[in-house]
Amino acid sequence: MKTRVARIVILIICVCLIASLTTVFGGCSKKEVTGSNDTGGQAKTQDSESANKEPFKIHILNRVNPEVKLEGNSLLDEIERITGVRLEIEAPPIKNYVDRQNIIMASGDLPDIVYDWSLGVNYQKWAEEDLFIPIDDYIPKCPNLTENILEEEWEFARVPATGKFHAIPRPTESAKGTMGFAI
């Protein structure tokens, strides 16, 4: 059970990074060619992962600008194709995001990832109430996190009452006002 949770957390961390690095995606998928095309035969191309396999789903509550189209989004489709993970993003209107976030966190039916604007009072309260899991043990397993997020940004995400990290801070030009993805 502990190994399954660890794998899920690492997968969530990776997906968070993929989702926040939208400009990185190009032709990254590995394809296998089967059959022969030498004699006019038709070659087939298949993804490394089976197309028939049901994708793993991650529910994300995220603040998204209204001009971003989530349905039929080619980036989200590419993430699912490459990773086998479907990102189910709930994106309430920006002006009502905090209200929706409060309702969801009080409901007990929690998403896997919650985007928080400030990593402030609510984030700390919810972490203390165990609504977010501590991710300290997983951070060293993801060197891209420690290489790309400043130490002061990490410290901003530390919950004083627990001494632990419950969110991946989103790198900004200044660590003041850091936002992040809580898991």
C-alpha atoms as a PDB file:
ATOM      1  CA  MET A   1       0.000   0.000   0.000  1.00  0.00           C
ATOM      2  CA  LYS A   2       2.799   2.416   0.929  1.00  0.00           C
ATOM      3  CA  THR A   3       4.553   1.701  -2.386  1.00  0.00           C
ATOM      4  CA  ARG A   4       1.326   2.391  -4.291  1.00  0.00           C
ATOM      5  CA  VAL A   5       0.897   5.735  -2.504  1.00  0.00           C
ATOM      6  CA  ALA A   6       4.532   6.606  -3.231  1.00  0.00           C
ATOM      7  CA  ARG A   7       4.079   5.818  -6.922  1.00  0.00           C
ATOM      8  CA  ILE A   8       0.885   7.866  -7.100  1.00  0.00           C
ATOM      9  CA  VAL A   9       2.524  10.845  -5.381  1.00  0.00           C
ATOM     10  CA  ILE A  10       5.552  10.715  -7.672  1.00  0.00           C
ATOM     11  CA  LEU A  11       3.225  10.438 -10.667  1.00  0.00           C
ATOM     12  CA  ILE A  12       1.225  13.436  -9.449  1.00  0.00           C
ATOM     13  CA  ILE A  13       4.418  15.447  -8.970  1.00  0.00           C
ATOM     14  CA  CYS A  14       5.548  14.578 -12.476  1.00  0.00           C
ATOM     15  CA  VAL A  15       2.185  15.476 -13.961  1.00  0.00           C
ATOM     16  CA  CYS A  16       2.225  18.821 -12.125  1.00  0.00           C
ATOM     17  CA  LEU A  17       5.544  19.612 -13.701  1.00  0.00           C
ATOM     18  CA  ILE A  18       4.363  18.512 -17.120  1.00  0.00           C
ATOM     19  CA  ALA A  19       1.235  20.622 -16.807  1.00  0.00           C
ATOM     20  CA  SER A  20       3.201  23.709 -15.790  1.00  0.00           C
ATOM     21  CA  LEU A  21       5.772  23.327 -18.572  1.00  0.00           C
ATOM     22  CA  THR A  22       3.348  23.539 -21.466  1.00  0.00           C
ATOM     23  CA  THR A  23       5.882  24.931 -23.905  1.00  0.00           C
ATOM     24  CA  VAL A  24       8.212  21.955 -23.619  1.00  0.00           C
ATOM     25  CA  PHE A  25       6.137  19.416 -25.481  1.00  0.00           C
ATOM     26  CA  GLY A  26       7.128  18.514 -28.993  1.00  0.00           C
ATOM     27  CA  GLY A  27       7.510  15.102 -30.554  1.00  0.00           C
ATOM     28  CA  CYS A  28       8.492  13.250 -27.416  1.00  0.00           C
ATOM     29  CA  SER A  29       6.623  10.003 -27.821  1.00  0.00           C
ATOM     30  CA  LYS A  30       8.400   6.754 -28.467  1.00  0.00           C
ATOM     31  CA  LYS A  31       6.969   4.816 -31.369  1.00  0.00           C
ATOM     32  CA  GLU A  32       7.559   1.239 -32.423  1.00  0.00           C
ATOM     33  CA  VAL A  33       7.295   0.284 -36.057  1.00  0.00           C
ATOM     34  CA  THR A  34       5.972  -3.182 -36.828  1.00  0.00           C
ATOM     35  CA  GLY A  35       5.636  -4.876 -40.148  1.00  0.00           C
ATOM     36  CA  SER A  36       7.647  -4.167 -43.273  1.00  0.00           C
ATOM     37  CA  ASN A  37       7.457  -1.416 -45.787  1.00  0.00           C
ATOM     38  CA  ASP A  38      10.201  -2.756 -48.113  1.00  0.00           C
ATOM     39  CA  THR A  39       7.893  -4.614 -50.483  1.00  0.00           C
ATOM     40  CA  GLY A  40       5.006  -2.219 -50.450  1.00  0.00           C
ATOM     41  CA  GLY A  41       3.619  -3.712 -47.251  1.00  0.00           C
ATOM     42  CA  GLN A  42       2.002  -1.345 -44.827  1.00  0.00           C
ATOM     43  CA  ALA A  43       3.947  -0.475 -41.671  1.00  0.00           C
ATOM     44  CA  LYS A  44       1.994   0.111 -38.471  1.00  0.00           C
ATOM     45  CA  THR A  45       3.003   2.554 -35.770  1.00  0.00           C
ATOM     46  CA  GLN A  46       1.974   1.960 -32.169  1.00  0.00           C
ATOM     47  CA  ASP A  47       2.519   3.919 -28.985  1.00  0.00           C
ATOM     48  CA  SER A  48       4.738   2.280 -26.362  1.00  0.00           C
ATOM     49  CA  GLU A  49       1.706   1.927 -24.113  1.00  0.00           C
ATOM     50  CA  SER A  50      -1.336  -0.027 -25.143  1.00  0.00           C
ATOM     51  CA  ALA A  51      -4.035   2.183 -26.643  1.00  0.00           C
ATOM     52  CA  ASN A  52      -6.704  -0.064 -25.104  1.00  0.00           C
ATOM     53  CA  LYS A  53      -5.542   0.539 -21.548  1.00  0.00           C
ATOM     54  CA  GLU A  54      -7.819   2.786 -19.456  1.00  0.00           C
ATOM     55  CA  PRO A  55      -5.822   5.903 -18.489  1.00  0.00           C
ATOM     56  CA  PHE A  56      -5.004   6.666 -14.869  1.00  0.00           C
ATOM     57  CA  LYS A  57      -7.038   9.728 -13.847  1.00  0.00           C
ATOM     58  CA  ILE A  58      -5.868  12.662 -11.758  1.00  0.00           C
ATOM     59  CA  HIS A  59      -8.484  15.193 -10.640  1.00  0.00           C
ATOM     60  CA  ILE A  60      -7.074  18.731 -10.409  1.00  0.00           C
ATOM     61  CA  LEU A  61      -8.738  21.853  -9.052  1.00  0.00           C
ATOM     62  CA  ASN A  62      -6.944  24.620 -10.904  1.00  0.00           C
ATOM     63  CA  ARG A  63      -7.229  28.316 -11.602  1.00  0.00           C
ATOM     64  CA  VAL A  64      -7.333  28.638 -15.382  1.00  0.00           C
ATOM     65  CA  ASN A  65      -7.728  31.789 -17.437  1.00  0.00           C
ATOM     66  CA  PRO A  66     -11.067  31.866 -19.270  1.00  0.00           C
ATOM     67  CA  GLU A  67      -9.432  31.899 -22.710  1.00  0.00           C
ATOM     68  CA  VAL A  68      -7.819  28.502 -22.052  1.00  0.00           C
ATOM     69  CA  LYS A  69      -9.884  25.749 -23.649  1.00  0.00           C
ATOM     70  CA  LEU A  70      -9.792  22.524 -21.622  1.00  0.00           C
ATOM     71  CA  GLU A  71     -12.110  20.382 -23.755  1.00  0.00           C
ATOM     72  CA  GLY A  72     -10.260  19.089 -26.790  1.00  0.00           C
ATOM     73  CA  ASN A  73      -7.008  20.684 -25.568  1.00  0.00           C
ATOM     74  CA  SER A  74      -4.205  19.211 -27.669  1.00  0.00           C
ATOM     75  CA  LEU A  75      -1.645  19.585 -24.861  1.00  0.00           C
ATOM     76  CA  LEU A  76      -3.805  17.620 -22.416  1.00  0.00           C
ATOM     77  CA  ASP A  77      -4.429  15.015 -25.109  1.00  0.00           C
ATOM     78  CA  GLU A  78      -0.669  14.730 -25.693  1.00  0.00           C
ATOM     79  CA  ILE A  79       0.024  14.370 -21.959  1.00  0.00           C
ATOM     80  CA  GLU A  80      -2.519  11.543 -21.810  1.00  0.00           C
ATOM     81  CA  ARG A  81      -1.098   9.876 -24.909  1.00  0.00           C
ATOM     82  CA  ILE A  82       2.501  10.005 -23.678  1.00  0.00           C
ATOM     83  CA  THR A  83       1.941   9.223 -19.992  1.00  0.00           C
ATOM     84  CA  GLY A  84      -1.290   7.226 -19.934  1.00  0.00           C
ATOM     85  CA  VAL A  85      -2.619   9.774 -17.420  1.00  0.00           C
ATOM     86  CA  ARG A  86      -5.836  11.712 -17.952  1.00  0.00           C
ATOM     87  CA  LEU A  87      -5.847  15.098 -16.240  1.00  0.00           C
ATOM     88  CA  GLU A  88      -9.405  15.887 -15.202  1.00  0.00           C
ATOM     89  CA  ILE A  89      -9.198  19.610 -14.560  1.00  0.00           C
ATOM     90  CA  GLU A  90     -11.958  21.410 -12.722  1.00  0.00           C
ATOM     91  CA  ALA A  91     -11.565  25.110 -13.463  1.00  0.00           C
ATOM     92  CA  PRO A  92     -14.126  27.320 -11.725  1.00  0.00           C
ATOM     93  CA  PRO A  93     -14.339  30.941 -12.883  1.00  0.00           C
ATOM     94  CA  ILE A  94     -11.347  32.878 -11.571  1.00  0.00           C
ATOM     95  CA  LYS A  95     -13.457  35.383  -9.637  1.00  0.00           C
ATOM     96  CA  ASN A  96     -15.180  32.495  -7.776  1.00  0.00           C
ATOM     97  CA  TYR A  97     -12.161  30.198  -7.473  1.00  0.00           C
ATOM     98  CA  VAL A  98     -11.540  30.722  -3.751  1.00  0.00           C
ATOM     99  CA  ASP A  99     -15.226  30.153  -2.930  1.00  0.00           C
ATOM    100  CA  ARG A 100     -15.265  26.915  -4.955  1.00  0.00           C
ATOM    101  CA  GLN A 101     -11.974  25.835  -3.388  1.00  0.00           C
ATOM    102  CA  ASN A 102     -13.410  26.333   0.112  1.00  0.00           C
ATOM    103  CA  ILE A 103     -16.550  24.348  -0.757  1.00  0.00           C
ATOM    104  CA  ILE A 104     -14.535  21.465  -2.205  1.00  0.00           C
ATOM    105  CA  MET A 105     -12.128  21.332   0.731  1.00  0.00           C
ATOM    106  CA  ALA A 106     -15.056  21.268   3.179  1.00  0.00           C
ATOM    107  CA  SER A 107     -16.909  18.587   1.204  1.00  0.00           C
ATOM    108  CA  GLY A 108     -14.515  15.739   1.900  1.00  0.00           C
ATOM    109  CA  ASP A 109     -14.575  14.766  -1.798  1.00  0.00           C
ATOM    110  CA  LEU A 110     -11.089  16.074  -2.474  1.00  0.00           C
ATOM    111  CA  PRO A 111      -9.254  16.361  -5.768  1.00  0.00           C
ATOM    112  CA  ASP A 112      -5.790  14.824  -6.105  1.00  0.00           C
ATOM    113  CA  ILE A 113      -4.165  18.217  -6.695  1.00  0.00           C
ATOM    114  CA  VAL A 114      -5.317  21.669  -5.590  1.00  0.00           C
ATOM    115  CA  TYR A 115      -3.831  24.860  -6.989  1.00  0.00           C
ATOM    116  CA  ASP A 116      -3.512  27.506  -4.289  1.00  0.00           C
ATOM    117  CA  TRP A 117      -2.799  31.151  -5.055  1.00  0.00           C
ATOM    118  CA  SER A 118      -0.907  32.030  -1.932  1.00  0.00           C
ATOM    119  CA  LEU A 119       0.060  28.930   0.050  1.00  0.00           C
ATOM    120  CA  GLY A 120      -1.223  31.031   2.922  1.00  0.00           C
ATOM    121  CA  VAL A 121      -3.675  30.569   5.776  1.00  0.00           C
ATOM    122  CA  ASN A 122      -6.054  28.122   4.061  1.00  0.00           C
ATOM    123  CA  TYR A 123      -3.219  25.990   2.672  1.00  0.00           C
ATOM    124  CA  GLN A 124      -1.622  25.793   6.107  1.00  0.00           C
ATOM    125  CA  LYS A 125      -4.949  25.028   7.812  1.00  0.00           C
ATOM    126  CA  TRP A 126      -5.795  22.266   5.320  1.00  0.00           C
ATOM    127  CA  ALA A 127      -2.311  20.757   5.646  1.00  0.00           C
ATOM    128  CA  GLU A 128      -2.668  20.729   9.445  1.00  0.00           C
ATOM    129  CA  GLU A 129      -6.056  18.996   9.020  1.00  0.00           C
ATOM    130  CA  ASP A 130      -4.349  16.301   6.883  1.00  0.00           C
ATOM    131  CA  LEU A 131      -6.284  17.261   3.757  1.00  0.00           C
ATOM    132  CA  PHE A 132      -2.929  17.426   1.941  1.00  0.00           C
ATOM    133  CA  ILE A 133      -0.244  14.798   2.265  1.00  0.00           C
ATOM    134  CA  PRO A 134       3.347  15.660   3.172  1.00  0.00           C
ATOM    135  CA  ILE A 135       5.639  15.277   0.165  1.00  0.00           C
ATOM    136  CA  ASP A 136       9.038  15.691   1.864  1.00  0.00           C
ATOM    137  CA  ASP A 137      10.066  12.070   1.202  1.00  0.00           C
ATOM    138  CA  TYR A 138       9.311  12.401  -2.519  1.00  0.00           C
ATOM    139  CA  ILE A 139      11.125  15.654  -3.274  1.00  0.00           C
ATOM    140  CA  PRO A 140      14.652  14.108  -3.330  1.00  0.00           C
ATOM    141  CA  LYS A 141      13.385  11.529  -5.851  1.00  0.00           C
ATOM    142  CA  CYS A 142      12.564  14.358  -8.272  1.00  0.00           C
ATOM    143  CA  PRO A 143      15.825  16.242  -8.902  1.00  0.00           C
ATOM    144  CA  ASN A 144      14.108  18.465 -11.459  1.00  0.00           C
ATOM    145  CA  LEU A 145      12.172  19.994  -8.548  1.00  0.00           C
ATOM    146  CA  THR A 146      15.226  20.815  -6.453  1.00  0.00           C
ATOM    147  CA  GLU A 147      17.155  22.081  -9.485  1.00  0.00           C
ATOM    148  CA  ASN A 148      14.407  24.402 -10.746  1.00  0.00           C
ATOM    149  CA  ILE A 149      12.717  25.701  -7.604  1.00  0.00           C
ATOM    150  CA  LEU A 150      14.640  28.073  -5.352  1.00  0.00           C
ATOM    151  CA  GLU A 151      15.189  27.112  -1.724  1.00  0.00           C
ATOM    152  CA  GLU A 152      13.362  30.260  -0.573  1.00  0.00           C
ATOM    153  CA  GLU A 153      10.352  29.205  -2.673  1.00  0.00           C
ATOM    154  CA  TRP A 154      10.425  25.797  -1.005  1.00  0.00           C
ATOM    155  CA  GLU A 155      10.576  27.453   2.418  1.00  0.00           C
ATOM    156  CA  PHE A 156       7.517  29.522   1.570  1.00  0.00           C
ATOM    157  CA  ALA A 157       5.661  26.227   0.982  1.00  0.00           C
ATOM    158  CA  ARG A 158       6.699  24.728   4.334  1.00  0.00           C
ATOM    159  CA  VAL A 159       3.827  24.502   6.836  1.00  0.00           C
ATOM    160  CA  PRO A 160       5.136  25.879  10.153  1.00  0.00           C
ATOM    161  CA  ALA A 161       2.866  23.702  12.333  1.00  0.00           C
ATOM    162  CA  THR A 162       3.994  20.446  10.685  1.00  0.00           C
ATOM    163  CA  GLY A 163       7.447  21.505   9.481  1.00  0.00           C
ATOM    164  CA  LYS A 164       6.624  19.684   6.237  1.00  0.00           C
ATOM    165  CA  PHE A 165       5.960  20.471   2.616  1.00  0.00           C
ATOM    166  CA  HIS A 166       2.476  19.706   1.334  1.00  0.00           C
ATOM    167  CA  ALA A 167       2.768  21.568  -1.980  1.00  0.00           C
ATOM    168  CA  ILE A 168       5.108  22.032  -4.894  1.00  0.00           C
ATOM    169  CA  PRO A 169       5.716  25.766  -5.158  1.00  0.00           C
ATOM    170  CA  ARG A 170       5.304  27.312  -8.561  1.00  0.00           C
ATOM    171  CA  PRO A 171       8.496  29.147  -9.502  1.00  0.00           C
ATOM    172  CA  THR A 172       7.949  32.886  -9.830  1.00  0.00           C
ATOM    173  CA  GLU A 173      10.208  35.882 -10.362  1.00  0.00           C
ATOM    174  CA  SER A 174      10.058  36.465  -6.616  1.00  0.00           C
ATOM    175  CA  ALA A 175       9.422  33.937  -3.871  1.00  0.00           C
ATOM    176  CA  LYS A 176       7.126  36.475  -2.225  1.00  0.00           C
ATOM    177  CA  GLY A 177       3.589  35.481  -3.033  1.00  0.00           C
ATOM    178  CA  THR A 178       4.556  32.027  -4.236  1.00  0.00           C
ATOM    179  CA  MET A 179       1.691  29.889  -5.504  1.00  0.00           C
ATOM    180  CA  GLY A 180       1.678  26.143  -5.701  1.00  0.00           C
ATOM    181  CA  PHE A 181       0.096  22.771  -6.262  1.00  0.00           C
ATOM    182  CA  ALA A 182      -0.947  21.002  -3.046  1.00  0.00           C
ATOM    183  CA  ILE A 183      -1.271  17.243  -3.130  1.00  0.00           C
END
